[in-house]
Amino acid sequence: MPSTRIKLISRSKSDARNVAVRIVEIAKAGDIKYKGPIPLPTRRMKISTRKTPCGDGSHTYEKWEMRIHKWLVEIYGGEQALRQIMRIPVPDTVRIEMTLSS
């Protein structure tokens, strides 16, 4: 049976989670086997910068952090389920990677 691995990547945790829940709802409605949504480890990117651009004054720093959230959903179904999934409205903050295997 063909399977599809769908990986959702986003800076917004709620946006990625909402898209994953919609995919699972489509799988449930079509009576299709699925696994997930599985949260993958969150990637944290941290940057520290000096507050003063010239370097004079006190040594104070600003700390910035960006988090990348990932969710994984596997669907064991046919082409019709994938067509319905492709029609889901996806926010601009979410990136989707699909891997097909037979």
PDB file of N, CA and C in Angstrom:
ATOM      1  N   MET A   1       0.848  -1.173   0.000  1.00  0.00           N
ATOM      2  CA  MET A   1       0.000   0.000   0.000  1.00  0.00           C
ATOM      3  C   MET A   1       0.896   1.240   0.000  1.00  0.00           C
ATOM      4  N   PRO A   2       0.629   2.226  -0.874  1.00  0.00           N
ATOM      5  CA  PRO A   2       1.475   3.425  -0.922  1.00  0.00           C
ATOM      6  C   PRO A   2       1.319   4.271   0.344  1.00  0.00           C
ATOM      7  N   SER A   3       2.424   4.837   0.763  1.00  0.00           N
ATOM      8  CA  SER A   3       2.389   5.700   1.941  1.00  0.00           C
ATOM      9  C   SER A   3       2.969   7.063   1.590  1.00  0.00           C
ATOM     10  N   THR A   4       2.506   8.051   2.318  1.00  0.00           N
ATOM     11  CA  THR A   4       2.970   9.422   2.125  1.00  0.00           C
ATOM     12  C   THR A   4       3.394   9.971   3.470  1.00  0.00           C
ATOM     13  N   ARG A   5       4.597  10.503   3.538  1.00  0.00           N
ATOM     14  CA  ARG A   5       5.101  11.140   4.754  1.00  0.00           C
ATOM     15  C   ARG A   5       5.045  12.646   4.542  1.00  0.00           C
ATOM     16  N   ILE A   6       4.286  13.319   5.392  1.00  0.00           N
ATOM     17  CA  ILE A   6       4.089  14.759   5.283  1.00  0.00           C
ATOM     18  C   ILE A   6       4.778  15.421   6.468  1.00  0.00           C
ATOM     19  N   LYS A   7       5.718  16.308   6.177  1.00  0.00           N
ATOM     20  CA  LYS A   7       6.461  17.023   7.220  1.00  0.00           C
ATOM     21  C   LYS A   7       6.085  18.494   7.147  1.00  0.00           C
ATOM     22  N   LEU A   8       5.608  19.030   8.262  1.00  0.00           N
ATOM     23  CA  LEU A   8       5.202  20.433   8.344  1.00  0.00           C
ATOM     24  C   LEU A   8       6.250  21.198   9.139  1.00  0.00           C
ATOM     25  N   ILE A   9       6.736  22.295   8.595  1.00  0.00           N
ATOM     26  CA  ILE A   9       7.783  23.094   9.225  1.00  0.00           C
ATOM     27  C   ILE A   9       7.285  24.528   9.326  1.00  0.00           C
ATOM     28  N   SER A  10       7.387  25.112  10.540  1.00  0.00           N
ATOM     29  CA  SER A  10       6.873  26.466  10.725  1.00  0.00           C
ATOM     30  C   SER A  10       7.521  27.134  11.929  1.00  0.00           C
ATOM     31  N   ARG A  11       7.530  28.477  11.905  1.00  0.00           N
ATOM     32  CA  ARG A  11       7.950  29.234  13.085  1.00  0.00           C
ATOM     33  C   ARG A  11       6.811  29.351  14.079  1.00  0.00           C
ATOM     34  N   SER A  12       5.587  29.171  13.604  1.00  0.00           N
ATOM     35  CA  SER A  12       4.407  29.264  14.455  1.00  0.00           C
ATOM     36  C   SER A  12       3.923  27.855  14.796  1.00  0.00           C
ATOM     37  N   LYS A  13       3.944  27.524  16.060  1.00  0.00           N
ATOM     38  CA  LYS A  13       3.550  26.185  16.492  1.00  0.00           C
ATOM     39  C   LYS A  13       2.079  25.913  16.196  1.00  0.00           C
ATOM     40  N   SER A  14       1.224  26.892  16.441  1.00  0.00           N
ATOM     41  CA  SER A  14      -0.216  26.689  16.258  1.00  0.00           C
ATOM     42  C   SER A  14      -0.584  26.514  14.783  1.00  0.00           C
ATOM     43  N   ASP A  15       0.073  27.235  13.877  1.00  0.00           N
ATOM     44  CA  ASP A  15      -0.234  27.099  12.448  1.00  0.00           C
ATOM     45  C   ASP A  15       0.105  25.694  11.949  1.00  0.00           C
ATOM     46  N   ALA A  16       1.276  25.197  12.324  1.00  0.00           N
ATOM     47  CA  ALA A  16       1.681  23.857  11.894  1.00  0.00           C
ATOM     48  C   ALA A  16       0.766  22.801  12.500  1.00  0.00           C
ATOM     49  N   ARG A  17       0.403  22.972  13.759  1.00  0.00           N
ATOM     50  CA  ARG A  17      -0.467  22.009  14.428  1.00  0.00           C
ATOM     51  C   ARG A  17      -1.859  21.993  13.776  1.00  0.00           C
ATOM     52  N   ASN A  18      -2.394  23.166  13.430  1.00  0.00           N
ATOM     53  CA  ASN A  18      -3.714  23.242  12.796  1.00  0.00           C
ATOM     54  C   ASN A  18      -3.735  22.534  11.439  1.00  0.00           C
ATOM     55  N   VAL A  19      -2.687  22.703  10.640  1.00  0.00           N
ATOM     56  CA  VAL A  19      -2.623  22.029   9.344  1.00  0.00           C
ATOM     57  C   VAL A  19      -2.535  20.511   9.549  1.00  0.00           C
ATOM     58  N   ALA A  20      -1.748  20.076  10.539  1.00  0.00           N
ATOM     59  CA  ALA A  20      -1.625  18.646  10.823  1.00  0.00           C
ATOM     60  C   ALA A  20      -2.965  18.057  11.256  1.00  0.00           C
ATOM     61  N   VAL A  21      -3.723  18.786  12.063  1.00  0.00           N
ATOM     62  CA  VAL A  21      -5.033  18.311  12.511  1.00  0.00           C
ATOM     63  C   VAL A  21      -5.998  18.210  11.326  1.00  0.00           C
ATOM     64  N   ARG A  22      -5.937  19.155  10.397  1.00  0.00           N
ATOM     65  CA  ARG A  22      -6.799  19.092   9.209  1.00  0.00           C
ATOM     66  C   ARG A  22      -6.484  17.863   8.358  1.00  0.00           C
ATOM     67  N   ILE A  23      -5.194  17.544   8.233  1.00  0.00           N
ATOM     68  CA  ILE A  23      -4.784  16.355   7.466  1.00  0.00           C
ATOM     69  C   ILE A  23      -5.335  15.089   8.124  1.00  0.00           C
ATOM     70  N   VAL A  24      -5.244  15.017   9.449  1.00  0.00           N
ATOM     71  CA  VAL A  24      -5.756  13.852  10.176  1.00  0.00           C
ATOM     72  C   VAL A  24      -7.278  13.753  10.034  1.00  0.00           C
ATOM     73  N   GLU A  25      -7.972  14.878  10.052  1.00  0.00           N
ATOM     74  CA  GLU A  25      -9.427  14.868   9.873  1.00  0.00           C
ATOM     75  C   GLU A  25      -9.817  14.315   8.504  1.00  0.00           C
ATOM     76  N   ILE A  26      -9.069  14.669   7.468  1.00  0.00           N
ATOM     77  CA  ILE A  26      -9.336  14.141   6.128  1.00  0.00           C
ATOM     78  C   ILE A  26      -9.113  12.635   6.111  1.00  0.00           C
ATOM     79  N   ALA A  27      -8.044  12.174   6.773  1.00  0.00           N
ATOM     80  CA  ALA A  27      -7.764  10.736   6.816  1.00  0.00           C
ATOM     81  C   ALA A  27      -8.863   9.987   7.569  1.00  0.00           C
ATOM     82  N   LYS A  28      -9.352  10.561   8.671  1.00  0.00           N
ATOM     83  CA  LYS A  28     -10.431   9.920   9.426  1.00  0.00           C
ATOM     84  C   LYS A  28     -11.728   9.863   8.608  1.00  0.00           C
ATOM     85  N   ALA A  29     -12.035  10.951   7.916  1.00  0.00           N
ATOM     86  CA  ALA A  29     -13.269  11.010   7.128  1.00  0.00           C
ATOM     87  C   ALA A  29     -13.233  10.017   5.969  1.00  0.00           C
ATOM     88  N   GLY A  30     -12.051   9.795   5.393  1.00  0.00           N
ATOM     89  CA  GLY A  30     -11.930   8.861   4.280  1.00  0.00           C
ATOM     90  C   GLY A  30     -11.644   7.448   4.721  1.00  0.00           C
ATOM     91  N   ASP A  31     -11.626   7.185   6.026  1.00  0.00           N
ATOM     92  CA  ASP A  31     -11.364   5.858   6.580  1.00  0.00           C
ATOM     93  C   ASP A  31     -10.005   5.320   6.103  1.00  0.00           C
ATOM     94  N   ILE A  32      -8.996   6.169   6.211  1.00  0.00           N
ATOM     95  CA  ILE A  32      -7.640   5.858   5.763  1.00  0.00           C
ATOM     96  C   ILE A  32      -6.750   5.695   6.986  1.00  0.00           C
ATOM     97  N   LYS A  33      -5.832   4.721   6.926  1.00  0.00           N
ATOM     98  CA  LYS A  33      -4.891   4.531   8.037  1.00  0.00           C
ATOM     99  C   LYS A  33      -3.888   5.682   8.047  1.00  0.00           C
ATOM    100  N   TYR A  34      -3.526   6.113   9.253  1.00  0.00           N
ATOM    101  CA  TYR A  34      -2.566   7.210   9.386  1.00  0.00           C
ATOM    102  C   TYR A  34      -1.810   7.063  10.705  1.00  0.00           C
ATOM    103  N   LYS A  35      -0.696   7.765  10.805  1.00  0.00           N
ATOM    104  CA  LYS A  35       0.073   7.888  12.041  1.00  0.00           C
ATOM    105  C   LYS A  35       0.360   9.359  12.260  1.00  0.00           C
ATOM    106  N   GLY A  36       0.131   9.815  13.466  1.00  0.00           N
ATOM    107  CA  GLY A  36       0.477  11.188  13.775  1.00  0.00           C
ATOM    108  C   GLY A  36      -0.720  11.988  14.225  1.00  0.00           C
ATOM    109  N   PRO A  37      -0.559  13.249  14.355  1.00  0.00           N
ATOM    110  CA  PRO A  37       0.647  14.050  14.119  1.00  0.00           C
ATOM    111  C   PRO A  37       1.694  13.844  15.215  1.00  0.00           C
ATOM    112  N   ILE A  38       2.928  13.673  14.790  1.00  0.00           N
ATOM    113  CA  ILE A  38       4.048  13.423  15.689  1.00  0.00           C
ATOM    114  C   ILE A  38       4.886  14.694  15.758  1.00  0.00           C
ATOM    115  N   PRO A  39       5.043  15.297  16.945  1.00  0.00           N
ATOM    116  CA  PRO A  39       5.907  16.478  17.046  1.00  0.00           C
ATOM    117  C   PRO A  39       7.375  16.058  17.034  1.00  0.00           C
ATOM    118  N   LEU A  40       8.147  16.699  16.193  1.00  0.00           N
ATOM    119  CA  LEU A  40       9.592  16.457  16.132  1.00  0.00           C
ATOM    120  C   LEU A  40      10.292  17.498  16.999  1.00  0.00           C
ATOM    121  N   PRO A  41      11.558  17.276  17.342  1.00  0.00           N
ATOM    122  CA  PRO A  41      12.251  18.236  18.210  1.00  0.00           C
ATOM    123  C   PRO A  41      12.273  19.653  17.623  1.00  0.00           C
ATOM    124  N   THR A  42      12.049  20.632  18.492  1.00  0.00           N
ATOM    125  CA  THR A  42      12.046  22.027  18.091  1.00  0.00           C
ATOM    126  C   THR A  42      13.485  22.521  17.973  1.00  0.00           C
ATOM    127  N   ARG A  43      13.773  23.195  16.872  1.00  0.00           N
ATOM    128  CA  ARG A  43      15.115  23.743  16.665  1.00  0.00           C
ATOM    129  C   ARG A  43      15.126  25.182  17.157  1.00  0.00           C
ATOM    130  N   ARG A  44      16.084  25.510  17.989  1.00  0.00           N
ATOM    131  CA  ARG A  44      16.217  26.869  18.511  1.00  0.00           C
ATOM    132  C   ARG A  44      17.480  27.496  17.960  1.00  0.00           C
ATOM    133  N   MET A  45      17.312  28.650  17.344  1.00  0.00           N
ATOM    134  CA  MET A  45      18.454  29.391  16.828  1.00  0.00           C
ATOM    135  C   MET A  45      18.600  30.649  17.662  1.00  0.00           C
ATOM    136  N   LYS A  46      19.739  30.784  18.333  1.00  0.00           N
ATOM    137  CA  LYS A  46      19.972  31.910  19.242  1.00  0.00           C
ATOM    138  C   LYS A  46      21.080  32.799  18.697  1.00  0.00           C
ATOM    139  N   ILE A  47      20.866  34.126  18.845  1.00  0.00           N
ATOM    140  CA  ILE A  47      21.851  35.118  18.425  1.00  0.00           C
ATOM    141  C   ILE A  47      21.971  36.162  19.529  1.00  0.00           C
ATOM    142  N   SER A  48      23.200  36.481  19.915  1.00  0.00           N
ATOM    143  CA  SER A  48      23.459  37.555  20.872  1.00  0.00           C
ATOM    144  C   SER A  48      24.196  38.673  20.142  1.00  0.00           C
ATOM    145  N   THR A  49      23.732  39.919  20.311  1.00  0.00           N
ATOM    146  CA  THR A  49      24.368  41.065  19.657  1.00  0.00           C
ATOM    147  C   THR A  49      24.621  42.164  20.686  1.00  0.00           C
ATOM    148  N   ARG A  50      25.623  42.978  20.415  1.00  0.00           N
ATOM    149  CA  ARG A  50      25.903  44.127  21.278  1.00  0.00           C
ATOM    150  C   ARG A  50      24.832  45.185  21.085  1.00  0.00           C
ATOM    151  N   LYS A  51      24.434  45.854  22.167  1.00  0.00           N
ATOM    152  CA  LYS A  51      23.424  46.904  22.068  1.00  0.00           C
ATOM    153  C   LYS A  51      23.983  48.155  21.410  1.00  0.00           C
ATOM    154  N   THR A  52      25.224  48.490  21.693  1.00  0.00           N
ATOM    155  CA  THR A  52      25.807  49.699  21.115  1.00  0.00           C
ATOM    156  C   THR A  52      26.561  49.336  19.836  1.00  0.00           C
ATOM    157  N   PRO A  53      26.284  50.032  18.743  1.00  0.00           N
ATOM    158  CA  PRO A  53      26.934  49.678  17.481  1.00  0.00           C
ATOM    159  C   PRO A  53      28.420  50.053  17.430  1.00  0.00           C
ATOM    160  N   CYS A  54      28.839  51.085  18.183  1.00  0.00           N
ATOM    161  CA  CYS A  54      30.214  51.550  18.081  1.00  0.00           C
ATOM    162  C   CYS A  54      31.167  50.775  18.990  1.00  0.00           C
ATOM    163  N   GLY A  55      30.640  50.088  19.997  1.00  0.00           N
ATOM    164  CA  GLY A  55      31.500  49.312  20.886  1.00  0.00           C
ATOM    165  C   GLY A  55      31.871  50.047  22.156  1.00  0.00           C
ATOM    166  N   ASP A  56      31.547  51.359  22.250  1.00  0.00           N
ATOM    167  CA  ASP A  56      31.835  52.114  23.467  1.00  0.00           C
ATOM    168  C   ASP A  56      30.729  51.873  24.489  1.00  0.00           C
ATOM    169  N   GLY A  57      31.023  52.175  25.716  1.00  0.00           N
ATOM    170  CA  GLY A  57      30.008  52.061  26.759  1.00  0.00           C
ATOM    171  C   GLY A  57      30.043  50.693  27.419  1.00  0.00           C
ATOM    172  N   SER A  58      28.948  50.361  28.067  1.00  0.00           N
ATOM    173  CA  SER A  58      28.897  49.107  28.818  1.00  0.00           C
ATOM    174  C   SER A  58      28.745  47.918  27.865  1.00  0.00           C
ATOM    175  N   HIS A  59      29.146  46.790  28.356  1.00  0.00           N
ATOM    176  CA  HIS A  59      29.071  45.572  27.561  1.00  0.00           C
ATOM    177  C   HIS A  59      27.713  44.906  27.804  1.00  0.00           C
ATOM    178  N   THR A  60      26.694  45.434  27.131  1.00  0.00           N
ATOM    179  CA  THR A  60      25.352  44.875  27.264  1.00  0.00           C
ATOM    180  C   THR A  60      24.962  44.198  25.954  1.00  0.00           C
ATOM    181  N   TYR A  61      24.233  43.133  26.063  1.00  0.00           N
ATOM    182  CA  TYR A  61      23.855  42.332  24.904  1.00  0.00           C
ATOM    183  C   TYR A  61      22.343  42.165  24.818  1.00  0.00           C
ATOM    184  N   GLU A  62      21.868  42.041  23.595  1.00  0.00           N
ATOM    185  CA  GLU A  62      20.484  41.654  23.350  1.00  0.00           C
ATOM    186  C   GLU A  62      20.513  40.210  22.876  1.00  0.00           C
ATOM    187  N   LYS A  63      19.580  39.425  23.381  1.00  0.00           N
ATOM    188  CA  LYS A  63      19.529  38.020  22.992  1.00  0.00           C
ATOM    189  C   LYS A  63      18.255  37.778  22.189  1.00  0.00           C
ATOM    190  N   TRP A  64      18.404  37.162  21.012  1.00  0.00           N
ATOM    191  CA  TRP A  64      17.283  36.874  20.117  1.00  0.00           C
ATOM    192  C   TRP A  64      17.202  35.367  19.915  1.00  0.00           C
ATOM    193  N   GLU A  65      15.976  34.873  19.782  1.00  0.00           N
ATOM    194  CA  GLU A  65      15.782  33.436  19.581  1.00  0.00           C
ATOM    195  C   GLU A  65      14.652  33.211  18.585  1.00  0.00           C
ATOM    196  N   MET A  66      14.875  32.289  17.654  1.00  0.00           N
ATOM    197  CA  MET A  66      13.827  31.879  16.726  1.00  0.00           C
ATOM    198  C   MET A  66      13.664  30.370  16.851  1.00  0.00           C
ATOM    199  N   ARG A  67      12.411  29.935  16.975  1.00  0.00           N
ATOM    200  CA  ARG A  67      12.132  28.512  17.128  1.00  0.00           C
ATOM    201  C   ARG A  67      11.478  27.979  15.859  1.00  0.00           C
ATOM    202  N   ILE A  68      11.936  26.815  15.412  1.00  0.00           N
ATOM    203  CA  ILE A  68      11.388  26.149  14.247  1.00  0.00           C
ATOM    204  C   ILE A  68      10.693  24.874  14.731  1.00  0.00           C
ATOM    205  N   HIS A  69       9.371  24.806  14.524  1.00  0.00           N
ATOM    206  CA  HIS A  69       8.567  23.661  14.963  1.00  0.00           C
ATOM    207  C   HIS A  69       8.311  22.744  13.783  1.00  0.00           C
ATOM    208  N   LYS A  70       8.365  21.422  14.036  1.00  0.00           N
ATOM    209  CA  LYS A  70       8.142  20.440  12.982  1.00  0.00           C
ATOM    210  C   LYS A  70       7.134  19.400  13.455  1.00  0.00           C
ATOM    211  N   TRP A  71       6.248  18.996  12.554  1.00  0.00           N
ATOM    212  CA  TRP A  71       5.252  17.952  12.817  1.00  0.00           C
ATOM    213  C   TRP A  71       5.307  16.959  11.672  1.00  0.00           C
ATOM    214  N   LEU A  72       5.074  15.693  11.983  1.00  0.00           N
ATOM    215  CA  LEU A  72       5.126  14.630  10.987  1.00  0.00           C
ATOM    216  C   LEU A  72       3.815  13.858  10.991  1.00  0.00           C
ATOM    217  N   VAL A  73       3.274  13.615   9.788  1.00  0.00           N
ATOM    218  CA  VAL A  73       2.052  12.828   9.624  1.00  0.00           C
ATOM    219  C   VAL A  73       2.311  11.821   8.506  1.00  0.00           C
ATOM    220  N   GLU A  74       1.998  10.544   8.747  1.00  0.00           N
ATOM    221  CA  GLU A  74       2.110   9.515   7.719  1.00  0.00           C
ATOM    222  C   GLU A  74       0.720   9.035   7.357  1.00  0.00           C
ATOM    223  N   ILE A  75       0.470   8.932   6.054  1.00  0.00           N
ATOM    224  CA  ILE A  75      -0.834   8.494   5.567  1.00  0.00           C
ATOM    225  C   ILE A  75      -0.621   7.293   4.653  1.00  0.00           C
ATOM    226  N   TYR A  76      -1.386   6.242   4.906  1.00  0.00           N
ATOM    227  CA  TYR A  76      -1.336   5.032   4.092  1.00  0.00           C
ATOM    228  C   TYR A  76      -2.610   4.962   3.268  1.00  0.00           C
ATOM    229  N   GLY A  77      -2.621   5.662   2.171  1.00  0.00           N
ATOM    230  CA  GLY A  77      -3.832   5.731   1.367  1.00  0.00           C
ATOM    231  C   GLY A  77      -3.511   5.962  -0.092  1.00  0.00           C
ATOM    232  N   GLY A  78      -4.557   6.142  -0.847  1.00  0.00           N
ATOM    233  CA  GLY A  78      -4.418   6.294  -2.282  1.00  0.00           C
ATOM    234  C   GLY A  78      -4.321   7.729  -2.733  1.00  0.00           C
ATOM    235  N   GLU A  79      -4.495   7.869  -4.020  1.00  0.00           N
ATOM    236  CA  GLU A  79      -4.347   9.161  -4.679  1.00  0.00           C
ATOM    237  C   GLU A  79      -5.465  10.138  -4.305  1.00  0.00           C
ATOM    238  N   GLN A  80      -6.644   9.599  -4.054  1.00  0.00           N
ATOM    239  CA  GLN A  80      -7.789  10.460  -3.755  1.00  0.00           C
ATOM    240  C   GLN A  80      -7.588  11.229  -2.444  1.00  0.00           C
ATOM    241  N   ALA A  81      -7.006  10.579  -1.449  1.00  0.00           N
ATOM    242  CA  ALA A  81      -6.732  11.254  -0.168  1.00  0.00           C
ATOM    243  C   ALA A  81      -5.717  12.373  -0.358  1.00  0.00           C
ATOM    244  N   LEU A  82      -4.711  12.136  -1.178  1.00  0.00           N
ATOM    245  CA  LEU A  82      -3.694  13.169  -1.413  1.00  0.00           C
ATOM    246  C   LEU A  82      -4.286  14.379  -2.131  1.00  0.00           C
ATOM    247  N   ARG A  83      -5.221  14.145  -3.011  1.00  0.00           N
ATOM    248  CA  ARG A  83      -5.863  15.273  -3.705  1.00  0.00           C
ATOM    249  C   ARG A  83      -6.637  16.146  -2.728  1.00  0.00           C
ATOM    250  N   GLN A  84      -7.295  15.524  -1.765  1.00  0.00           N
ATOM    251  CA  GLN A  84      -8.017  16.300  -0.759  1.00  0.00           C
ATOM    252  C   GLN A  84      -7.048  17.060   0.138  1.00  0.00           C
ATOM    253  N   ILE A  85      -5.932  16.447   0.470  1.00  0.00           N
ATOM    254  CA  ILE A  85      -4.929  17.108   1.318  1.00  0.00           C
ATOM    255  C   ILE A  85      -4.323  18.309   0.600  1.00  0.00           C
ATOM    256  N   MET A  86      -4.128  18.199  -0.701  1.00  0.00           N
ATOM    257  CA  MET A  86      -3.540  19.298  -1.466  1.00  0.00           C
ATOM    258  C   MET A  86      -4.467  20.515  -1.518  1.00  0.00           C
ATOM    259  N   ARG A  87      -5.750  20.335  -1.234  1.00  0.00           N
ATOM    260  CA  ARG A  87      -6.706  21.443  -1.263  1.00  0.00           C
ATOM    261  C   ARG A  87      -6.797  22.197   0.055  1.00  0.00           C
ATOM    262  N   ILE A  88      -6.100  21.743   1.065  1.00  0.00           N
ATOM    263  CA  ILE A  88      -6.144  22.413   2.370  1.00  0.00           C
ATOM    264  C   ILE A  88      -5.503  23.786   2.243  1.00  0.00           C
ATOM    265  N   PRO A  89      -6.154  24.843   2.751  1.00  0.00           N
ATOM    266  CA  PRO A  89      -5.500  26.159   2.750  1.00  0.00           C
ATOM    267  C   PRO A  89      -4.367  26.179   3.786  1.00  0.00           C
ATOM    268  N   VAL A  90      -3.183  26.482   3.319  1.00  0.00           N
ATOM    269  CA  VAL A  90      -1.991  26.473   4.177  1.00  0.00           C
ATOM    270  C   VAL A  90      -1.514  27.905   4.373  1.00  0.00           C
ATOM    271  N   PRO A  91      -1.293  28.330   5.633  1.00  0.00           N
ATOM    272  CA  PRO A  91      -0.773  29.687   5.864  1.00  0.00           C
ATOM    273  C   PRO A  91       0.632  29.857   5.276  1.00  0.00           C
ATOM    274  N   ASP A  92       1.015  31.100   5.065  1.00  0.00           N
ATOM    275  CA  ASP A  92       2.336  31.389   4.511  1.00  0.00           C
ATOM    276  C   ASP A  92       3.468  30.994   5.455  1.00  0.00           C
ATOM    277  N   THR A  93       3.168  30.855   6.730  1.00  0.00           N
ATOM    278  CA  THR A  93       4.208  30.543   7.708  1.00  0.00           C
ATOM    279  C   THR A  93       4.547  29.058   7.754  1.00  0.00           C
ATOM    280  N   VAL A  94       3.786  28.224   7.046  1.00  0.00           N
ATOM    281  CA  VAL A  94       3.996  26.767   7.097  1.00  0.00           C
ATOM    282  C   VAL A  94       4.580  26.281   5.779  1.00  0.00           C
ATOM    283  N   ARG A  95       5.634  25.465   5.876  1.00  0.00           N
ATOM    284  CA  ARG A  95       6.234  24.836   4.700  1.00  0.00           C
ATOM    285  C   ARG A  95       5.941  23.343   4.772  1.00  0.00           C
ATOM    286  N   ILE A  96       5.601  22.746   3.643  1.00  0.00           N
ATOM    287  CA  ILE A  96       5.232  21.330   3.609  1.00  0.00           C
ATOM    288  C   ILE A  96       6.217  20.574   2.735  1.00  0.00           C
ATOM    289  N   GLU A  97       6.682  19.421   3.266  1.00  0.00           N
ATOM    290  CA  GLU A  97       7.509  18.495   2.496  1.00  0.00           C
ATOM    291  C   GLU A  97       6.772  17.165   2.429  1.00  0.00           C
ATOM    292  N   MET A  98       6.564  16.635   1.226  1.00  0.00           N
ATOM    293  CA  MET A  98       5.867  15.361   1.066  1.00  0.00           C
ATOM    294  C   MET A  98       6.817  14.357   0.440  1.00  0.00           C
ATOM    295  N   THR A  99       6.857  13.154   1.018  1.00  0.00           N
ATOM    296  CA  THR A  99       7.659  12.074   0.494  1.00  0.00           C
ATOM    297  C   THR A  99       6.746  10.898   0.187  1.00  0.00           C
ATOM    298  N   LEU A 100       6.757  10.456  -1.063  1.00  0.00           N
ATOM    299  CA  LEU A 100       5.912   9.348  -1.482  1.00  0.00           C
ATOM    300  C   LEU A 100       6.736   8.075  -1.546  1.00  0.00           C
ATOM    301  N   SER A 101       6.185   6.963  -1.087  1.00  0.00           N
ATOM    302  CA  SER A 101       6.851   5.665  -1.205  1.00  0.00           C
ATOM    303  C   SER A 101       5.802   4.608  -1.481  1.00  0.00           C
ATOM    304  N   SER A 102       6.244   3.544  -2.116  1.00  0.00           N
ATOM    305  CA  SER A 102       5.274   2.499  -2.458  1.00  0.00           C
ATOM    306  C   SER A 102       5.457   1.244  -1.634  1.00  0.00           C
TER     307      SER A 102
END
